[in-house]
Amino acid sequence: MKDKNFIEGIMDEYKEKVFGFALSQLKSITDAEELAAQIHYEVYMAFIEFLETLPKMSVKLKNISKELDEEIYTIDKTQYPERFHNLCRVIDRDLLTSTDIRTRVLDLLQKSNILKPLTKTQKKSVNTILFNIALPNKISH
């Protein structure tokens, strides 16, 4: 699953820092390893639990996402030699969920006066509400 791979990547990124913290608290390498493993497990399970609370993507939205990916790939592959087409295919995947698309949607909503200018914190909240709750529900109906 893509989400679990993403979480594992984050966990690997912080593995040494967590171990360093555990070692600074306990002074025993064995105890620090056990604490770091426990912290790793607890954080991983919290991530998984959080992901399960997010609404699932509807079939209609998945199809729209695939269509967008295919259109962008069709454009991109014309810009590169054939040997790079597989790379383009990988890069041009799940674009509907990309930060770039989300930013553009929010910018368009602001320019059309549907949204007022937002603070940094408000942008995060609107992003979560709009892309994890409102649009998936709107498209699935």
N, C-alpha and C. Protein backbone atom coordinates (compact mmCIF):
# COMPACT_ATOMS: atom_id res chain seq x y z
N MET A 1 0.84 -1.18 0.00
CA MET A 1 0.00 0.00 0.00
C MET A 1 0.88 1.24 0.00
N LYS A 2 0.51 2.20 -0.82
CA LYS A 2 1.29 3.42 -0.99
C LYS A 2 1.43 4.19 0.32
N ASP A 3 0.33 4.32 1.09
CA ASP A 3 0.36 5.09 2.34
C ASP A 3 1.32 4.47 3.34
N LYS A 4 1.31 3.15 3.44
CA LYS A 4 2.20 2.48 4.39
C LYS A 4 3.66 2.67 3.98
N ASN A 5 3.94 2.63 2.69
CA ASN A 5 5.31 2.87 2.23
C ASN A 5 5.74 4.28 2.56
N PHE A 6 4.83 5.24 2.42
CA PHE A 6 5.12 6.64 2.75
C PHE A 6 5.45 6.76 4.24
N ILE A 7 4.64 6.12 5.08
CA ILE A 7 4.86 6.18 6.53
C ILE A 7 6.20 5.52 6.88
N GLU A 8 6.48 4.38 6.28
CA GLU A 8 7.75 3.70 6.56
C GLU A 8 8.93 4.57 6.16
N GLY A 9 8.79 5.32 5.06
CA GLY A 9 9.86 6.23 4.64
C GLY A 9 10.10 7.31 5.68
N ILE A 10 9.03 7.87 6.21
CA ILE A 10 9.16 8.89 7.26
C ILE A 10 9.79 8.29 8.51
N MET A 11 9.33 7.10 8.88
CA MET A 11 9.86 6.46 10.08
C MET A 11 11.36 6.17 9.92
N ASP A 12 11.78 5.72 8.75
CA ASP A 12 13.20 5.46 8.51
C ASP A 12 14.02 6.75 8.60
N GLU A 13 13.42 7.85 8.13
CA GLU A 13 14.10 9.13 8.16
C GLU A 13 14.42 9.58 9.59
N TYR A 14 13.56 9.23 10.54
CA TYR A 14 13.73 9.67 11.92
C TYR A 14 14.27 8.59 12.85
N LYS A 15 14.59 7.43 12.31
CA LYS A 15 15.03 6.30 13.13
C LYS A 15 16.24 6.65 14.01
N GLU A 16 17.25 7.27 13.42
CA GLU A 16 18.46 7.61 14.18
C GLU A 16 18.18 8.66 15.25
N LYS A 17 17.33 9.63 14.94
CA LYS A 17 17.00 10.67 15.92
C LYS A 17 16.24 10.07 17.10
N VAL A 18 15.33 9.15 16.82
CA VAL A 18 14.57 8.50 17.89
C VAL A 18 15.50 7.67 18.76
N PHE A 19 16.41 6.95 18.11
CA PHE A 19 17.37 6.16 18.89
C PHE A 19 18.26 7.08 19.73
N GLY A 20 18.71 8.18 19.15
CA GLY A 20 19.53 9.14 19.90
C GLY A 20 18.79 9.68 21.11
N PHE A 21 17.51 10.00 20.93
CA PHE A 21 16.69 10.46 22.06
C PHE A 21 16.60 9.37 23.12
N ALA A 22 16.28 8.16 22.69
CA ALA A 22 16.14 7.04 23.63
C ALA A 22 17.45 6.81 24.40
N LEU A 23 18.57 6.86 23.69
CA LEU A 23 19.87 6.66 24.33
C LEU A 23 20.17 7.78 25.33
N SER A 24 19.79 9.01 25.00
CA SER A 24 20.03 10.12 25.93
C SER A 24 19.19 9.98 27.20
N GLN A 25 18.10 9.27 27.12
CA GLN A 25 17.23 9.10 28.28
C GLN A 25 17.63 7.90 29.15
N LEU A 26 18.24 6.88 28.53
CA LEU A 26 18.43 5.62 29.24
C LEU A 26 19.87 5.22 29.49
N LYS A 27 20.81 5.64 28.68
CA LYS A 27 22.24 5.35 28.82
C LYS A 27 22.62 3.90 28.53
N SER A 28 21.69 3.00 28.42
CA SER A 28 21.98 1.60 28.07
C SER A 28 21.55 1.39 26.62
N ILE A 29 22.45 0.86 25.80
CA ILE A 29 22.14 0.67 24.38
C ILE A 29 20.96 -0.29 24.21
N THR A 30 20.95 -1.36 24.97
CA THR A 30 19.86 -2.34 24.87
C THR A 30 18.52 -1.71 25.24
N ASP A 31 18.50 -0.98 26.35
CA ASP A 31 17.26 -0.32 26.76
C ASP A 31 16.84 0.75 25.76
N ALA A 32 17.82 1.47 25.22
CA ALA A 32 17.52 2.51 24.24
C ALA A 32 16.95 1.89 22.96
N GLU A 33 17.49 0.75 22.54
CA GLU A 33 16.97 0.07 21.36
C GLU A 33 15.52 -0.35 21.58
N GLU A 34 15.24 -0.87 22.78
CA GLU A 34 13.86 -1.28 23.10
C GLU A 34 12.92 -0.08 23.11
N LEU A 35 13.34 1.02 23.72
CA LEU A 35 12.51 2.22 23.76
C LEU A 35 12.31 2.77 22.36
N ALA A 36 13.36 2.82 21.56
CA ALA A 36 13.25 3.32 20.18
C ALA A 36 12.28 2.45 19.38
N ALA A 37 12.36 1.14 19.55
CA ALA A 37 11.45 0.23 18.84
C ALA A 37 10.00 0.47 19.29
N GLN A 38 9.81 0.69 20.57
CA GLN A 38 8.47 0.96 21.10
C GLN A 38 7.93 2.28 20.54
N ILE A 39 8.76 3.31 20.53
CA ILE A 39 8.35 4.61 19.97
C ILE A 39 8.02 4.46 18.49
N HIS A 40 8.88 3.76 17.77
CA HIS A 40 8.66 3.53 16.34
C HIS A 40 7.31 2.85 16.11
N TYR A 41 7.02 1.82 16.90
CA TYR A 41 5.76 1.09 16.77
C TYR A 41 4.57 1.98 17.08
N GLU A 42 4.64 2.71 18.17
CA GLU A 42 3.52 3.58 18.58
C GLU A 42 3.23 4.66 17.53
N VAL A 43 4.27 5.29 17.02
CA VAL A 43 4.09 6.34 16.01
C VAL A 43 3.55 5.74 14.72
N TYR A 44 4.08 4.59 14.32
CA TYR A 44 3.62 3.92 13.10
C TYR A 44 2.12 3.59 13.22
N MET A 45 1.72 3.02 14.35
CA MET A 45 0.32 2.66 14.54
C MET A 45 -0.58 3.90 14.59
N ALA A 46 -0.08 4.99 15.15
CA ALA A 46 -0.85 6.24 15.16
C ALA A 46 -1.04 6.76 13.74
N PHE A 47 0.00 6.68 12.90
CA PHE A 47 -0.12 7.07 11.49
C PHE A 47 -1.18 6.21 10.79
N ILE A 48 -1.11 4.91 10.99
CA ILE A 48 -2.06 3.99 10.34
C ILE A 48 -3.48 4.32 10.80
N GLU A 49 -3.66 4.53 12.08
CA GLU A 49 -4.97 4.88 12.62
C GLU A 49 -5.48 6.19 12.01
N PHE A 50 -4.59 7.16 11.88
CA PHE A 50 -4.98 8.44 11.27
C PHE A 50 -5.41 8.23 9.83
N LEU A 51 -4.64 7.46 9.06
CA LEU A 51 -4.99 7.23 7.66
C LEU A 51 -6.34 6.55 7.51
N GLU A 52 -6.67 5.68 8.45
CA GLU A 52 -7.95 4.98 8.39
C GLU A 52 -9.13 5.91 8.66
N THR A 53 -8.88 7.05 9.30
CA THR A 53 -9.97 7.99 9.56
C THR A 53 -10.29 8.86 8.34
N LEU A 54 -9.35 8.93 7.39
CA LEU A 54 -9.58 9.75 6.20
C LEU A 54 -10.58 9.06 5.27
N PRO A 55 -11.43 9.83 4.63
CA PRO A 55 -12.39 9.22 3.70
C PRO A 55 -11.66 8.52 2.56
N LYS A 56 -12.24 7.41 2.11
CA LYS A 56 -11.67 6.67 0.99
C LYS A 56 -12.04 7.37 -0.32
N MET A 57 -11.16 7.27 -1.29
CA MET A 57 -11.39 7.89 -2.59
C MET A 57 -12.45 7.09 -3.34
N SER A 58 -13.43 7.79 -3.88
CA SER A 58 -14.50 7.12 -4.63
C SER A 58 -13.97 6.58 -5.95
N VAL A 59 -14.70 5.63 -6.53
CA VAL A 59 -14.32 5.06 -7.82
C VAL A 59 -14.32 6.14 -8.89
N LYS A 60 -15.31 7.03 -8.82
CA LYS A 60 -15.40 8.11 -9.81
C LYS A 60 -14.17 9.02 -9.72
N LEU A 61 -13.77 9.36 -8.52
CA LEU A 61 -12.60 10.22 -8.33
C LEU A 61 -11.32 9.49 -8.77
N LYS A 62 -11.23 8.20 -8.50
CA LYS A 62 -10.07 7.42 -8.95
C LYS A 62 -9.99 7.43 -10.48
N ASN A 63 -11.13 7.30 -11.14
CA ASN A 63 -11.14 7.32 -12.61
C ASN A 63 -10.72 8.68 -13.15
N ILE A 64 -11.20 9.75 -12.51
CA ILE A 64 -10.80 11.10 -12.92
C ILE A 64 -9.29 11.27 -12.74
N SER A 65 -8.77 10.75 -11.64
CA SER A 65 -7.34 10.83 -11.36
C SER A 65 -6.54 10.09 -12.44
N LYS A 66 -6.99 8.91 -12.82
CA LYS A 66 -6.30 8.13 -13.86
C LYS A 66 -6.33 8.87 -15.20
N GLU A 67 -7.47 9.48 -15.51
CA GLU A 67 -7.58 10.24 -16.76
C GLU A 67 -6.60 11.41 -16.77
N LEU A 68 -6.51 12.13 -15.66
CA LEU A 68 -5.58 13.25 -15.56
C LEU A 68 -4.14 12.76 -15.73
N ASP A 69 -3.80 11.69 -15.03
CA ASP A 69 -2.45 11.13 -15.15
C ASP A 69 -2.12 10.78 -16.60
N GLU A 70 -3.08 10.16 -17.29
CA GLU A 70 -2.85 9.75 -18.68
C GLU A 70 -2.68 10.96 -19.59
N GLU A 71 -3.48 12.00 -19.38
CA GLU A 71 -3.37 13.22 -20.20
C GLU A 71 -2.01 13.89 -20.00
N ILE A 72 -1.58 14.00 -18.76
CA ILE A 72 -0.29 14.64 -18.47
C ILE A 72 0.85 13.79 -19.03
N TYR A 73 0.75 12.47 -18.89
CA TYR A 73 1.78 11.58 -19.44
C TYR A 73 1.87 11.74 -20.96
N THR A 74 0.73 11.82 -21.62
CA THR A 74 0.70 11.99 -23.08
C THR A 74 1.43 13.26 -23.49
N ILE A 75 1.26 14.31 -22.73
CA ILE A 75 1.95 15.58 -23.01
C ILE A 75 3.44 15.46 -22.68
N ASP A 76 3.75 14.95 -21.50
CA ASP A 76 5.15 14.87 -21.05
C ASP A 76 6.02 14.00 -21.94
N LYS A 77 5.50 12.86 -22.38
CA LYS A 77 6.35 11.94 -23.13
C LYS A 77 6.80 12.53 -24.48
N THR A 78 6.05 13.51 -24.98
CA THR A 78 6.47 14.14 -26.23
C THR A 78 7.69 15.04 -26.04
N GLN A 79 7.99 15.37 -24.80
CA GLN A 79 9.10 16.27 -24.49
C GLN A 79 10.42 15.53 -24.25
N TYR A 80 10.36 14.18 -24.18
CA TYR A 80 11.54 13.41 -23.82
C TYR A 80 11.78 12.28 -24.81
N PRO A 81 13.04 11.83 -24.93
CA PRO A 81 13.32 10.67 -25.78
C PRO A 81 12.58 9.43 -25.25
N GLU A 82 12.38 8.48 -26.12
CA GLU A 82 11.60 7.28 -25.76
C GLU A 82 12.17 6.55 -24.54
N ARG A 83 13.47 6.57 -24.36
CA ARG A 83 14.07 5.85 -23.23
C ARG A 83 13.62 6.42 -21.87
N PHE A 84 13.06 7.65 -21.86
CA PHE A 84 12.59 8.27 -20.62
C PHE A 84 11.08 8.13 -20.42
N HIS A 85 10.39 7.49 -21.34
CA HIS A 85 8.93 7.41 -21.24
C HIS A 85 8.46 6.65 -20.00
N ASN A 86 9.17 5.57 -19.64
CA ASN A 86 8.78 4.85 -18.42
C ASN A 86 8.96 5.73 -17.18
N LEU A 87 10.00 6.52 -17.17
CA LEU A 87 10.21 7.45 -16.06
C LEU A 87 9.08 8.48 -16.01
N CYS A 88 8.68 8.99 -17.16
CA CYS A 88 7.55 9.93 -17.22
C CYS A 88 6.29 9.28 -16.66
N ARG A 89 6.08 8.02 -17.01
CA ARG A 89 4.89 7.29 -16.52
C ARG A 89 4.90 7.24 -14.99
N VAL A 90 6.05 6.98 -14.40
CA VAL A 90 6.16 6.91 -12.94
C VAL A 90 5.94 8.29 -12.31
N ILE A 91 6.55 9.31 -12.89
CA ILE A 91 6.43 10.66 -12.34
C ILE A 91 5.00 11.20 -12.48
N ASP A 92 4.35 10.87 -13.57
CA ASP A 92 3.01 11.37 -13.84
C ASP A 92 1.94 10.43 -13.27
N ARG A 93 2.08 10.10 -12.02
CA ARG A 93 1.14 9.22 -11.34
C ARG A 93 0.56 9.91 -10.12
N ASP A 94 -0.71 9.72 -9.88
CA ASP A 94 -1.39 10.29 -8.71
C ASP A 94 -1.27 11.81 -8.65
N LEU A 95 -1.34 12.44 -9.80
CA LEU A 95 -1.18 13.90 -9.87
C LEU A 95 -2.34 14.65 -9.22
N LEU A 96 -3.51 14.05 -9.22
CA LEU A 96 -4.67 14.71 -8.61
C LEU A 96 -4.45 14.97 -7.12
N THR A 97 -3.65 14.14 -6.49
CA THR A 97 -3.39 14.32 -5.06
C THR A 97 -2.14 15.13 -4.77
N SER A 98 -1.48 15.60 -5.83
CA SER A 98 -0.23 16.33 -5.63
C SER A 98 -0.46 17.71 -5.01
N THR A 99 0.54 18.17 -4.31
CA THR A 99 0.48 19.49 -3.68
C THR A 99 0.30 20.58 -4.73
N ASP A 100 0.92 20.41 -5.88
CA ASP A 100 0.83 21.40 -6.95
C ASP A 100 -0.62 21.60 -7.40
N ILE A 101 -1.33 20.51 -7.60
CA ILE A 101 -2.74 20.60 -8.03
C ILE A 101 -3.58 21.25 -6.92
N ARG A 102 -3.36 20.82 -5.69
CA ARG A 102 -4.12 21.38 -4.57
C ARG A 102 -3.89 22.89 -4.45
N THR A 103 -2.64 23.29 -4.60
CA THR A 103 -2.30 24.72 -4.52
C THR A 103 -3.01 25.50 -5.63
N ARG A 104 -3.02 24.94 -6.82
CA ARG A 104 -3.69 25.62 -7.94
C ARG A 104 -5.18 25.74 -7.72
N VAL A 105 -5.79 24.69 -7.19
CA VAL A 105 -7.23 24.74 -6.91
C VAL A 105 -7.52 25.83 -5.88
N LEU A 106 -6.74 25.87 -4.81
CA LEU A 106 -6.95 26.90 -3.78
C LEU A 106 -6.74 28.30 -4.36
N ASP A 107 -5.72 28.46 -5.20
CA ASP A 107 -5.47 29.76 -5.84
C ASP A 107 -6.65 30.17 -6.72
N LEU A 108 -7.18 29.23 -7.50
CA LEU A 108 -8.33 29.53 -8.35
C LEU A 108 -9.55 29.92 -7.52
N LEU A 109 -9.75 29.24 -6.41
CA LEU A 109 -10.89 29.57 -5.54
C LEU A 109 -10.73 30.97 -4.94
N GLN A 110 -9.50 31.35 -4.63
CA GLN A 110 -9.26 32.69 -4.10
C GLN A 110 -9.43 33.75 -5.19
N LYS A 111 -8.91 33.48 -6.37
CA LYS A 111 -9.02 34.45 -7.47
C LYS A 111 -10.47 34.66 -7.90
N SER A 112 -11.28 33.62 -7.75
CA SER A 112 -12.69 33.76 -8.13
C SER A 112 -13.55 34.23 -6.95
N ASN A 113 -12.90 34.63 -5.87
CA ASN A 113 -13.55 35.16 -4.66
C ASN A 113 -14.46 34.17 -3.95
N ILE A 114 -14.25 32.88 -4.20
CA ILE A 114 -14.98 31.87 -3.44
C ILE A 114 -14.35 31.73 -2.06
N LEU A 115 -13.02 31.89 -2.02
CA LEU A 115 -12.28 31.90 -0.77
C LEU A 115 -11.62 33.26 -0.59
N LYS A 116 -11.63 33.74 0.65
CA LYS A 116 -10.89 34.96 0.96
C LYS A 116 -9.42 34.58 1.15
N PRO A 117 -8.50 35.55 1.08
CA PRO A 117 -7.09 35.23 1.35
C PRO A 117 -6.95 34.55 2.71
N LEU A 118 -6.10 33.54 2.75
CA LEU A 118 -5.96 32.72 3.95
C LEU A 118 -4.59 32.85 4.59
N THR A 119 -4.55 32.70 5.91
CA THR A 119 -3.27 32.63 6.62
C THR A 119 -2.68 31.24 6.36
N LYS A 120 -1.45 31.02 6.75
CA LYS A 120 -0.79 29.73 6.55
C LYS A 120 -1.56 28.61 7.27
N THR A 121 -1.99 28.86 8.49
CA THR A 121 -2.74 27.87 9.26
C THR A 121 -4.09 27.60 8.60
N GLN A 122 -4.76 28.65 8.14
CA GLN A 122 -6.05 28.47 7.48
C GLN A 122 -5.90 27.67 6.19
N LYS A 123 -4.81 27.86 5.47
CA LYS A 123 -4.58 27.10 4.23
C LYS A 123 -4.50 25.61 4.52
N LYS A 124 -3.83 25.24 5.60
CA LYS A 124 -3.74 23.83 5.97
C LYS A 124 -5.12 23.27 6.31
N SER A 125 -5.90 24.02 7.07
CA SER A 125 -7.23 23.56 7.45
C SER A 125 -8.14 23.42 6.23
N VAL A 126 -8.12 24.43 5.37
CA VAL A 126 -8.95 24.39 4.17
C VAL A 126 -8.52 23.24 3.27
N ASN A 127 -7.22 23.03 3.16
CA ASN A 127 -6.70 21.93 2.36
C ASN A 127 -7.26 20.59 2.87
N THR A 128 -7.21 20.37 4.16
CA THR A 128 -7.71 19.13 4.74
C THR A 128 -9.21 18.98 4.50
N ILE A 129 -9.96 20.03 4.79
CA ILE A 129 -11.42 19.95 4.63
C ILE A 129 -11.80 19.77 3.17
N LEU A 130 -11.22 20.55 2.31
CA LEU A 130 -11.60 20.53 0.89
C LEU A 130 -11.22 19.23 0.21
N PHE A 131 -9.99 18.77 0.41
CA PHE A 131 -9.50 17.63 -0.36
C PHE A 131 -9.71 16.29 0.31
N ASN A 132 -9.99 16.26 1.61
CA ASN A 132 -10.21 14.98 2.28
C ASN A 132 -11.67 14.75 2.64
N ILE A 133 -12.48 15.82 2.63
CA ILE A 133 -13.87 15.65 3.03
C ILE A 133 -14.83 16.15 1.96
N ALA A 134 -14.74 17.44 1.62
CA ALA A 134 -15.73 18.05 0.74
C ALA A 134 -15.71 17.50 -0.68
N LEU A 135 -14.59 17.56 -1.37
CA LEU A 135 -14.54 17.11 -2.78
C LEU A 135 -14.80 15.62 -2.93
N PRO A 136 -14.18 14.76 -2.11
CA PRO A 136 -14.49 13.33 -2.27
C PRO A 136 -15.98 13.03 -2.09
N ASN A 137 -16.64 13.71 -1.15
CA ASN A 137 -18.08 13.50 -0.96
C ASN A 137 -18.88 14.03 -2.13
N LYS A 138 -18.49 15.18 -2.66
CA LYS A 138 -19.19 15.81 -3.78
C LYS A 138 -19.09 14.94 -5.04
N ILE A 139 -17.89 14.42 -5.29
CA ILE A 139 -17.66 13.64 -6.51
C ILE A 139 -18.30 12.26 -6.41
N SER A 140 -18.37 11.68 -5.21
CA SER A 140 -18.91 10.33 -5.08
C SER A 140 -20.43 10.30 -5.18
N HIS A 141 -21.08 11.47 -5.11
CA HIS A 141 -22.55 11.51 -5.19
C HIS A 141 -23.05 11.81 -6.57
